[in-house]
Protein backbone atom coordinates (compact mmCIF):
# COMPACT_ATOMS: atom_id res chain seq x y z
CA MET A 1 -34.52 -165.32 -319.52
CA TYR A 2 -33.42 -168.65 -318.25
CA ALA A 3 -31.91 -169.69 -315.02
CA PRO A 4 -29.18 -172.59 -315.16
CA GLU A 5 -29.88 -176.12 -314.43
CA GLY A 6 -30.38 -176.64 -310.74
CA PHE A 7 -30.95 -173.05 -309.92
CA GLU A 8 -33.74 -172.68 -307.14
CA LEU A 9 -35.51 -169.79 -306.02
CA PRO A 10 -34.62 -169.21 -302.40
CA HIS A 11 -37.51 -169.24 -299.87
CA PRO A 12 -38.24 -165.84 -298.54
CA LEU A 13 -37.54 -166.77 -294.86
CA SER A 14 -34.01 -168.42 -295.79
CA SER A 15 -31.06 -166.78 -294.10
CA GLU A 16 -28.49 -168.95 -296.03
CA ASN A 17 -29.15 -167.32 -299.42
CA HIS A 18 -31.02 -164.30 -298.33
CA PRO A 19 -29.56 -160.86 -298.03
CA PRO A 20 -28.92 -159.28 -294.36
CA PRO A 21 -31.78 -158.01 -292.45
CA GLU A 22 -30.94 -154.55 -292.86
CA LEU A 23 -31.19 -154.86 -296.60
CA PRO A 24 -34.39 -157.02 -296.97
CA LYS A 25 -35.30 -155.92 -300.60
CA TYR A 26 -32.06 -156.69 -302.08
CA LEU A 27 -31.73 -159.77 -304.33
CA LYS A 28 -27.96 -160.20 -304.53
CA HIS A 29 -27.07 -161.57 -308.04
CA GLN A 30 -25.54 -160.07 -311.11
CA VAL A 31 -26.69 -160.47 -314.78
CA TYR A 32 -23.98 -161.12 -317.08
CA ASP A 33 -23.80 -160.64 -320.89
CA LYS A 34 -25.39 -164.07 -321.51
CA PRO A 35 -28.99 -163.53 -320.04
CA GLU A 36 -29.28 -167.21 -319.14
CA VAL A 37 -26.55 -167.10 -316.72
CA PHE A 38 -26.96 -165.87 -313.30
CA SER A 39 -24.36 -165.68 -310.59
CA LYS A 40 -24.69 -164.48 -306.93
CA VAL A 41 -21.99 -162.11 -306.06
CA ASP A 42 -21.51 -159.56 -303.03
CA GLU A 43 -20.44 -156.38 -304.81
CA HIS A 44 -23.62 -156.00 -306.99
CA ALA A 45 -27.10 -155.93 -306.04
CA ILE A 46 -30.45 -155.69 -307.92
CA GLN A 47 -33.56 -154.35 -306.10
CA ALA A 48 -35.98 -156.59 -307.68
CA VAL A 49 -38.96 -154.77 -306.32
CA TYR A 50 -38.12 -151.47 -308.31
CA SER A 51 -37.30 -153.11 -311.76
CA HIS A 52 -39.27 -156.21 -312.15
CA PHE A 53 -42.78 -157.52 -311.09
CA PRO A 54 -42.43 -161.16 -311.17
CA GLU A 55 -45.45 -163.69 -311.48
CA ASP A 56 -44.16 -165.22 -308.29
CA SER A 57 -44.28 -162.79 -305.51
CA ARG A 58 -41.70 -164.60 -303.49
CA TRP A 59 -39.19 -163.04 -305.93
CA GLN A 60 -40.12 -159.58 -304.40
CA LEU A 61 -38.46 -160.94 -301.03
CA LEU A 62 -40.84 -158.42 -299.19
CA PRO A 63 -42.86 -159.25 -296.10
CA THR A 64 -45.92 -157.95 -297.89
CA PRO A 65 -45.52 -158.28 -301.61
CA LEU A 66 -46.63 -155.44 -303.86
CA THR A 67 -49.82 -155.42 -305.90
CA LEU A 68 -49.47 -154.51 -309.62
CA SER A 69 -50.94 -151.14 -309.11
CA GLN A 70 -48.45 -150.30 -306.36
CA PHE A 71 -45.65 -151.58 -308.78
CA GLU A 72 -46.84 -149.23 -311.44
CA ASN A 73 -46.72 -146.33 -309.06
CA LEU A 74 -43.21 -146.65 -308.08
CA PRO A 75 -40.74 -144.00 -309.02
CA LEU A 76 -39.03 -144.49 -312.58
CA THR A 77 -35.62 -146.05 -311.90
CA LYS A 78 -32.89 -146.50 -314.27
CA SER A 79 -29.79 -149.01 -314.11
CA GLN A 80 -27.70 -146.50 -312.40
CA PHE A 81 -30.13 -146.45 -309.59
CA PHE A 82 -28.94 -150.12 -308.89
CA LYS A 83 -25.37 -149.70 -309.62
CA CYS A 84 -25.14 -147.01 -307.15
CA ALA A 85 -27.03 -148.76 -304.58
CA ILE A 86 -29.68 -146.17 -304.04
CA ASP A 87 -32.95 -146.60 -301.98
CA PHE A 88 -36.39 -144.88 -301.59
CA LEU A 89 -36.72 -143.98 -298.02
CA GLU A 90 -39.67 -141.84 -297.76
CA GLN A 91 -41.31 -141.09 -301.07
CA HIS A 92 -42.12 -144.37 -302.66
CA HIS A 93 -44.45 -142.99 -305.22
CA GLY A 94 -43.59 -141.53 -308.63
CA VAL A 95 -45.94 -138.57 -307.90
CA VAL A 96 -45.23 -136.38 -304.89
CA HIS A 97 -47.06 -133.32 -303.84
CA THR A 98 -45.90 -130.16 -302.39
CA ARG A 99 -47.55 -128.29 -299.23
CA ASP A 100 -47.74 -124.72 -299.65
CA GLY A 101 -44.82 -124.93 -302.41
CA ARG A 102 -42.49 -126.67 -300.10
CA LEU A 103 -41.22 -130.30 -300.04
CA ARG A 104 -38.42 -132.45 -298.47
CA MET A 105 -37.35 -135.64 -300.24
CA THR A 106 -34.93 -138.33 -298.88
CA LEU A 107 -33.27 -141.13 -300.56
CA GLY A 108 -30.71 -143.32 -299.11
CA PHE A 109 -27.45 -145.00 -300.62
CA TRP A 110 -25.42 -147.78 -298.98
CA ARG A 111 -22.44 -147.35 -301.60
CA PRO A 112 -20.28 -144.12 -301.77
CA GLY A 113 -20.91 -141.90 -304.85
CA GLY A 114 -21.77 -138.51 -305.94
CA PHE A 115 -25.01 -136.85 -307.07
CA THR A 116 -26.59 -134.20 -308.94
CA TYR A 117 -30.05 -133.49 -310.30
CA LYS A 118 -32.18 -131.67 -313.04
CA LEU A 119 -35.44 -129.72 -312.33
CA GLN A 120 -37.82 -129.02 -315.05
CA TYR A 121 -41.28 -127.29 -315.43
CA LEU A 122 -44.07 -128.45 -317.41
CA ILE A 123 -45.35 -125.18 -318.88
CA THR A 124 -48.71 -126.43 -320.06
CA SER A 125 -49.49 -127.01 -316.47
CA ALA A 126 -49.48 -123.40 -315.36
CA GLY A 127 -52.93 -122.56 -314.27
CA HIS A 128 -54.43 -125.97 -315.36
CA PRO A 129 -57.13 -127.19 -312.97
CA ASN A 130 -55.85 -130.82 -312.90
CA PRO A 131 -52.18 -130.53 -313.62
CA GLU A 132 -51.43 -134.10 -312.34
CA SER A 133 -53.44 -135.50 -315.35
CA LEU A 134 -51.37 -133.91 -317.95
CA MET A 135 -48.78 -135.88 -320.03
CA ALA A 136 -45.26 -134.52 -320.48
CA ASN A 137 -44.03 -133.63 -323.91
CA PRO A 138 -40.41 -132.81 -323.86
CA ALA A 139 -40.98 -129.47 -325.90
CA ASP A 140 -42.96 -128.28 -323.14
CA LEU A 141 -40.31 -128.84 -320.32
CA ARG A 142 -38.35 -125.65 -319.14
CA ASP A 143 -35.20 -125.25 -316.93
CA GLN A 144 -36.22 -121.79 -315.82
CA ILE A 145 -39.24 -120.16 -314.41
CA PRO A 146 -41.78 -118.95 -316.80
CA LYS A 147 -41.47 -115.31 -317.77
CA THR A 148 -38.01 -115.07 -316.07
CA ASP A 149 -34.42 -116.05 -316.72
CA ILE A 150 -33.76 -117.62 -313.48
CA GLU A 151 -32.98 -121.33 -313.22
CA LEU A 152 -35.10 -123.82 -311.37
CA LYS A 153 -32.19 -125.46 -309.77
CA SER A 154 -31.74 -122.41 -307.86
CA PHE A 155 -35.03 -123.25 -305.84
CA LEU A 156 -33.69 -126.69 -304.85
CA LEU A 157 -31.11 -127.62 -302.38
CA GLN A 158 -29.53 -130.71 -302.41
CA GLU A 159 -27.66 -132.11 -299.28
CA THR A 160 -25.69 -135.07 -299.09
CA THR A 161 -24.69 -136.87 -296.03
CA ARG A 162 -22.79 -140.14 -295.41
CA ASP A 163 -25.61 -142.18 -296.48
CA ARG A 164 -28.58 -139.77 -297.11
CA LEU A 165 -29.44 -137.75 -300.16
CA ASN A 166 -31.80 -134.94 -298.99
CA PHE A 167 -33.68 -132.47 -301.28
CA TYR A 168 -35.25 -129.00 -300.16
CA PHE A 169 -37.60 -127.51 -302.45
CA ARG A 170 -39.22 -123.93 -302.35
CA LEU A 171 -41.04 -123.85 -305.69
CA PRO A 172 -41.74 -120.43 -307.22
CA ALA A 173 -44.85 -121.55 -309.30
CA SER A 174 -47.74 -123.95 -309.07
CA GLY A 175 -47.93 -126.62 -311.59
CA VAL A 176 -45.95 -129.87 -312.45
CA TYR A 177 -42.14 -130.20 -312.13
CA TYR A 178 -40.08 -133.33 -313.15
CA LEU A 179 -37.14 -133.98 -311.17
CA THR A 180 -34.18 -136.26 -312.57
CA ILE A 181 -31.58 -137.27 -310.12
CA TYR A 182 -28.22 -138.62 -311.49
CA ALA A 183 -25.60 -140.55 -309.95
CA GLN A 184 -22.08 -142.00 -310.21
CA GLU A 185 -19.99 -144.38 -308.07
CA LEU A 186 -17.23 -142.96 -306.03
CA ALA A 187 -14.59 -144.99 -307.97
CA SER A 188 -15.69 -143.06 -311.03
CA LEU A 189 -15.28 -139.74 -309.55
CA LYS A 190 -11.78 -138.48 -310.09
CA VAL A 191 -10.78 -135.36 -307.97
CA GLY A 192 -9.60 -132.48 -310.19
CA ARG A 193 -11.55 -133.99 -313.21
CA GLU A 194 -14.72 -133.62 -314.72
CA SER A 195 -17.28 -136.55 -313.86
CA THR A 196 -20.09 -137.87 -316.13
CA PHE A 197 -23.25 -138.61 -314.17
CA ARG A 198 -25.96 -140.70 -315.42
CA ALA A 199 -29.72 -140.68 -314.80
CA ALA A 200 -30.64 -142.86 -311.73
CA CYS A 201 -34.32 -142.16 -311.05
CA GLU A 202 -37.09 -139.69 -311.79
CA TYR A 203 -40.13 -138.05 -309.83
CA LYS A 204 -43.32 -135.95 -310.80
CA ILE A 205 -43.74 -133.27 -308.63
CA VAL A 206 -47.14 -131.41 -308.26
CA CYS A 207 -46.80 -128.05 -306.73
CA ASP A 208 -50.09 -126.94 -305.22
CA ALA A 209 -49.04 -123.10 -304.74
CA PRO A 210 -46.04 -120.84 -304.83
CA ALA A 211 -44.09 -120.88 -301.65
CA VAL A 212 -44.42 -117.61 -299.86
CA ASP A 213 -40.69 -117.42 -299.40
CA ALA A 214 -39.69 -118.80 -302.75
CA GLN A 215 -36.27 -117.03 -303.12
CA PRO A 216 -33.39 -118.76 -304.92
CA TYR A 217 -30.76 -120.24 -302.93
CA PRO A 218 -27.31 -118.46 -303.40
CA THR A 219 -25.30 -119.58 -306.50
CA CYS A 220 -22.39 -121.81 -306.10
CA HIS A 221 -20.17 -123.78 -308.49
CA ASP A 222 -21.76 -127.30 -307.43
CA ALA A 223 -25.06 -128.51 -307.09
CA ASN A 224 -24.21 -130.50 -303.99
CA TRP A 225 -24.37 -128.77 -300.40
CA GLY A 226 -22.39 -130.03 -297.29
CA PRO A 227 -19.07 -131.69 -297.27
CA ALA A 228 -18.18 -133.42 -300.81
CA TRP A 229 -17.33 -136.95 -299.76
CA PRO A 230 -15.00 -137.75 -302.59
CA HIS A 231 -12.85 -134.75 -301.64
CA VAL A 232 -13.07 -135.27 -297.94
CA GLN A 233 -11.60 -138.91 -298.47
CA HIS A 234 -9.06 -137.66 -300.90
CA TYR A 235 -7.68 -135.04 -298.72
CA ALA A 236 -8.25 -137.06 -295.38
CA LEU A 237 -10.55 -134.42 -293.68
CA GLU A 238 -12.64 -134.93 -290.66
CA PRO A 239 -15.52 -132.34 -290.92
CA SER A 240 -17.13 -131.15 -287.67
CA HIS A 241 -20.38 -130.73 -289.56
CA THR A 242 -21.53 -133.76 -291.81
CA ASP A 243 -24.68 -132.13 -292.91
CA GLY A 244 -25.08 -129.23 -295.31
CA VAL A 245 -27.60 -127.33 -293.35
CA ILE A 246 -26.39 -126.00 -290.06
CA SER A 247 -29.46 -124.41 -288.33
CA VAL A 248 -29.12 -121.51 -285.66
CA CYS A 249 -31.88 -121.39 -283.12
CA LYS A 250 -34.40 -118.05 -283.73
CA ALA A 251 -34.75 -117.72 -280.25
CA ASP A 252 -31.03 -117.02 -279.80
CA TRP A 253 -31.63 -113.74 -281.99
CA SER A 254 -34.49 -112.34 -279.64
CA PRO A 255 -33.70 -108.91 -278.00
CA THR A 256 -32.38 -108.77 -274.50
CA VAL A 257 -34.51 -107.75 -271.52
CA ASP A 258 -33.65 -104.14 -271.93
CA GLN A 259 -34.64 -104.48 -275.72
CA ARG A 260 -31.03 -104.10 -277.01
CA ASN A 261 -30.18 -105.77 -280.10
CA PRO A 262 -28.51 -109.47 -279.39
CA PRO A 263 -24.85 -109.78 -280.22
CA PRO A 264 -24.35 -111.27 -283.57
CA MET A 265 -24.43 -115.11 -283.79
CA THR A 266 -21.35 -117.12 -284.35
CA ILE A 267 -20.51 -120.59 -285.74
CA ASP A 268 -17.32 -122.50 -285.77
CA VAL A 269 -16.82 -124.93 -288.59
CA LEU A 270 -13.94 -127.37 -288.10
CA PHE A 271 -11.91 -129.70 -290.29
CA GLY A 272 -9.57 -132.18 -288.79
CA LYS A 273 -6.65 -132.89 -291.26
CA GLN A 274 -4.33 -136.03 -291.37
CA ARG A 275 -2.16 -134.39 -294.06
CA PRO A 276 -0.67 -131.33 -292.95
CA GLU A 277 0.16 -130.04 -296.31
CA VAL A 278 -3.57 -129.39 -297.22
CA ASN A 279 -4.77 -125.83 -297.04
CA LEU A 280 -8.35 -124.96 -296.61
CA LEU A 281 -9.70 -121.67 -297.72
CA ALA A 282 -13.16 -120.06 -297.46
CA LYS A 283 -15.77 -117.66 -299.01
CA LEU A 284 -19.10 -116.53 -298.00
CA HIS A 285 -21.94 -116.17 -300.43
CA ARG A 286 -25.27 -114.39 -299.86
CA ASN A 287 -27.76 -113.23 -302.67
CA GLY A 288 -27.57 -109.42 -303.02
CA VAL A 289 -24.29 -108.85 -300.98
CA SER A 290 -20.92 -108.78 -302.41
CA ASP A 291 -18.32 -111.44 -301.61
CA GLU A 292 -15.87 -108.65 -300.45
CA TYR A 293 -18.42 -107.33 -298.03
CA LEU A 294 -18.81 -110.61 -296.45
CA ASP A 295 -15.17 -111.28 -296.01
CA GLN A 296 -15.15 -109.32 -292.82
CA TYR A 297 -17.57 -111.84 -291.33
CA GLN A 298 -15.26 -115.11 -291.39
CA ARG A 299 -11.94 -115.56 -290.27
CA VAL A 300 -9.78 -118.90 -290.19
CA SER A 301 -7.19 -120.39 -287.95
CA GLU A 302 -4.84 -122.96 -288.88
CA THR A 303 -2.89 -125.68 -287.25
CA VAL A 304 -1.01 -128.73 -288.41
CA GLN A 305 -3.90 -130.92 -287.38
CA GLU A 306 -6.87 -128.64 -287.68
CA THR A 307 -8.46 -125.87 -289.71
CA ARG A 308 -11.15 -123.81 -287.98
CA PHE A 309 -13.55 -121.24 -289.60
CA HIS A 310 -15.23 -118.74 -287.34
CA VAL A 311 -18.12 -117.27 -289.00
CA THR A 312 -20.31 -114.26 -287.91
CA LEU A 313 -23.77 -114.05 -288.85
CA PRO A 314 -24.55 -110.41 -289.21
CA GLU A 315 -28.29 -110.56 -289.20
CA PRO A 316 -31.33 -113.08 -289.11
CA GLY A 317 -33.27 -114.04 -292.06
CA PRO A 318 -36.84 -115.07 -292.35
CA GLN A 319 -37.90 -118.65 -291.04
CA LEU A 320 -38.69 -121.36 -293.48
CA GLU A 321 -40.39 -124.38 -292.40
CA ILE A 322 -40.30 -127.57 -294.72
CA ASP A 323 -42.64 -130.37 -294.65
CA ASN A 324 -43.88 -129.23 -291.21
CA ARG A 325 -40.87 -131.57 -289.73
CA GLU A 326 -37.82 -129.59 -290.46
CA THR A 327 -37.03 -126.01 -289.70
CA VAL A 328 -34.43 -124.12 -291.51
CA TYR A 329 -33.72 -120.62 -291.89
CA GLY A 330 -33.16 -118.33 -295.17
CA PRO A 331 -32.26 -116.76 -297.17
CA GLY A 332 -28.99 -117.88 -295.57
CA LEU A 333 -25.18 -117.60 -295.93
CA THR A 334 -23.39 -120.17 -297.95
CA MET A 335 -19.91 -121.12 -296.87
CA GLU A 336 -17.92 -122.41 -299.83
CA PHE A 337 -14.57 -124.30 -298.68
CA VAL A 338 -11.98 -124.43 -301.39
CA VAL A 339 -9.42 -127.23 -300.68
CA ARG A 340 -5.96 -127.18 -302.03
CA ASP A 341 -3.33 -129.55 -301.65
CA LEU A 342 0.06 -128.10 -301.91
CA ASN A 343 1.24 -131.16 -303.92
CA ASP A 344 -1.12 -130.37 -306.56
CA SER A 345 -1.33 -127.94 -309.43
CA PRO A 346 -2.48 -124.52 -308.06
CA VAL A 347 -5.07 -124.16 -310.63
CA GLU A 348 -6.84 -127.39 -309.68
CA LEU A 349 -8.85 -126.26 -306.80
CA GLN A 350 -11.67 -128.59 -305.39
CA ASP A 351 -14.86 -127.38 -303.73
CA ILE A 352 -16.27 -128.39 -300.36
CA ARG A 353 -19.37 -126.19 -299.25
CA ILE A 354 -21.48 -125.99 -296.25
CA HIS A 355 -24.79 -124.15 -296.33
CA LEU A 356 -25.09 -121.95 -293.31
CA TYR A 357 -28.75 -120.70 -292.54
CA HIS A 358 -29.35 -118.40 -289.62
CA GLY A 359 -32.55 -117.39 -288.13
């Protein structure tokens, strides 16, 4: 690959040709069809540190350049990772380890988009004394738990906020798992139509032991939990909760001084509306409980400018601590919001969902 005549490598401390301080690892240029041509543009960026290891360390544009060994241990990235402007915030190594079968992973993104994932289990790692050393053969990867028909994706919760992609794991078996994260730009996501997601990056997860509370999350129609931002923008909604996990303090469920059971916990989830013709509907889901039974625990109030869902949590669930930093509660209730625009076809319903955990 050749640079055009007169092209100079910018000095790492240069501010004129260097990315802004909040994006110190981004080299702003685009590679066109002809490899010898470079052009600096604002709408595309390549994170050079994740895709290339240059002989001249100044090309890394990092205060402390990576060594070759550090570069080789980075997560596997594909072109979609850069196209969707994703960034590694916490897990900078391609191999990560659980603690008691639990793990939280966080990635960032600074361009609106949509995400999904695939989780597979390496069956040859079951009971292996050193599973991390095993090589992955595609024929040995499974989408389900060994000896069961439960999908592995049910043990992973993907939460998308405005600029963060969080994954909560509570894995059911020790061994090696492979996580593939798929992404798509917001401009390519059409409301009411199927979208194609492309692989962005991959991780190898080594699980030390099954999580003691490895119960599958309630099944929903979509991999993402929390407000679906393409739909939020399309329908001009303003959600009161921008995270997919709403935690309720377990202390609020303690018996009263006279040892009576506490009153049921309630939560209000609001959506401000700029388009009065948009209707919001809701369903509660919980594993082992019929949707019809749970209908009594939620009601909705509607105005021109706001939809309010009032949810009553009938009973607490066991506590789940993830990564010793986050405390959420399970098995939990899932609120699945269905957005319907009265101007759209009645069969084209779009989902916005928030996962409600109660303790």
